[in-house]
Every structure is written in C-alpha cells, then in structure tokens.
Amino acid sequence: MPSEIRLYGLDGIPEVRPGDDLNAIIGDALEASNLTPLDGDVLVVTHKIVSKAE
C-alpha cells in the first residue's frame, strides 16, 4: 500500500493566552472540524501556541 500524508489546518483556534487549556482548545477544534485522530496519527502543535499558553 502506498504511503499517504494528509494535512489539516484547524479552524476555530482562538487567541491563546497564558493558562489556557490547549488540550481542550485543540479537542474542541477537532470536534468542530469533524476530525477524530486515530492510532498512528501525528498531531503537530507549534511552539508558539504552547509558549503562549504557558
């Protein structure tokens, strides 16, 4: 079976502030986009959004 890569940008990510719950924000955005991560999927989160939430 050929390898396949799919990329999805999530809409609905608000401006992130210190103390925000990134898990909830990303989970809500995934749900709103009707996307469900499966075993083996890779989720990429930028350093910038993580730093803003710290």
C-alpha atoms as a PDB file:
ATOM      1  CA  MET A   1       0.000   0.000   0.000  1.00  0.00           C
ATOM      2  CA  PRO A   2       1.419   3.414  -0.904  1.00  0.00           C
ATOM      3  CA  SER A   3       2.265   5.874   1.855  1.00  0.00           C
ATOM      4  CA  GLU A   4      -0.082   8.775   2.279  1.00  0.00           C
ATOM      5  CA  ILE A   5       0.188  12.124   4.038  1.00  0.00           C
ATOM      6  CA  ARG A   6      -2.797  14.355   4.736  1.00  0.00           C
ATOM      7  CA  LEU A   7      -2.573  17.766   6.335  1.00  0.00           C
ATOM      8  CA  TYR A   8      -5.461  19.561   8.001  1.00  0.00           C
ATOM      9  CA  GLY A   9      -5.425  23.076   9.381  1.00  0.00           C
ATOM     10  CA  LEU A  10      -7.883  23.570  12.212  1.00  0.00           C
ATOM     11  CA  ASP A  11     -10.273  26.489  12.169  1.00  0.00           C
ATOM     12  CA  GLY A  12     -11.684  27.822  15.397  1.00  0.00           C
ATOM     13  CA  ILE A  13      -8.473  28.114  17.413  1.00  0.00           C
ATOM     14  CA  PRO A  14      -8.935  31.318  19.437  1.00  0.00           C
ATOM     15  CA  GLU A  15      -6.170  33.679  20.537  1.00  0.00           C
ATOM     16  CA  VAL A  16      -4.295  31.654  23.162  1.00  0.00           C
ATOM     17  CA  ARG A  17      -3.452  33.278  26.489  1.00  0.00           C
ATOM     18  CA  PRO A  18      -1.371  32.197  29.487  1.00  0.00           C
ATOM     19  CA  GLY A  19      -3.123  29.439  31.410  1.00  0.00           C
ATOM     20  CA  ASP A  20      -5.382  28.334  28.536  1.00  0.00           C
ATOM     21  CA  ASP A  21      -6.062  24.593  28.296  1.00  0.00           C
ATOM     22  CA  LEU A  22      -4.533  23.618  24.948  1.00  0.00           C
ATOM     23  CA  ASN A  23      -5.954  20.092  25.157  1.00  0.00           C
ATOM     24  CA  ALA A  24      -9.474  21.471  25.397  1.00  0.00           C
ATOM     25  CA  ILE A  25      -8.901  24.108  22.706  1.00  0.00           C
ATOM     26  CA  ILE A  26      -7.462  21.587  20.245  1.00  0.00           C
ATOM     27  CA  GLY A  27     -10.060  18.947  21.153  1.00  0.00           C
ATOM     28  CA  ASP A  28     -12.887  21.425  20.542  1.00  0.00           C
ATOM     29  CA  ALA A  29     -11.370  22.453  17.200  1.00  0.00           C
ATOM     30  CA  LEU A  30     -11.005  18.812  16.128  1.00  0.00           C
ATOM     31  CA  GLU A  31     -14.607  18.114  17.087  1.00  0.00           C
ATOM     32  CA  ALA A  32     -15.882  21.208  15.271  1.00  0.00           C
ATOM     33  CA  SER A  33     -13.960  20.058  12.175  1.00  0.00           C
ATOM     34  CA  ASN A  34     -15.402  16.522  12.427  1.00  0.00           C
ATOM     35  CA  LEU A  35     -11.897  15.089  12.747  1.00  0.00           C
ATOM     36  CA  THR A  36     -11.059  12.203  15.073  1.00  0.00           C
ATOM     37  CA  PRO A  37      -7.391  11.268  15.494  1.00  0.00           C
ATOM     38  CA  LEU A  38      -6.721   7.550  15.020  1.00  0.00           C
ATOM     39  CA  ASP A  39      -3.936   5.345  16.355  1.00  0.00           C
ATOM     40  CA  GLY A  40      -0.760   6.229  14.492  1.00  0.00           C
ATOM     41  CA  ASP A  41      -1.878   9.762  13.584  1.00  0.00           C
ATOM     42  CA  VAL A  42       0.532  12.608  14.293  1.00  0.00           C
ATOM     43  CA  LEU A  43      -0.717  15.906  15.680  1.00  0.00           C
ATOM     44  CA  VAL A  44       1.628  18.855  15.213  1.00  0.00           C
ATOM     45  CA  VAL A  45       1.377  21.856  17.524  1.00  0.00           C
ATOM     46  CA  THR A  46       3.642  24.852  17.050  1.00  0.00           C
ATOM     47  CA  HIS A  47       5.990  26.019  19.760  1.00  0.00           C
ATOM     48  CA  LYS A  48       4.421  29.476  19.569  1.00  0.00           C
ATOM     49  CA  ILE A  49       0.965  28.318  20.678  1.00  0.00           C
ATOM     50  CA  VAL A  50       2.461  26.240  23.502  1.00  0.00           C
ATOM     51  CA  SER A  51       4.562  29.192  24.677  1.00  0.00           C
ATOM     52  CA  LYS A  52       1.546  31.494  24.645  1.00  0.00           C
ATOM     53  CA  ALA A  53      -0.411  29.080  26.860  1.00  0.00           C
ATOM     54  CA  GLU A  54       2.366  28.777  29.458  1.00  0.00           C
END
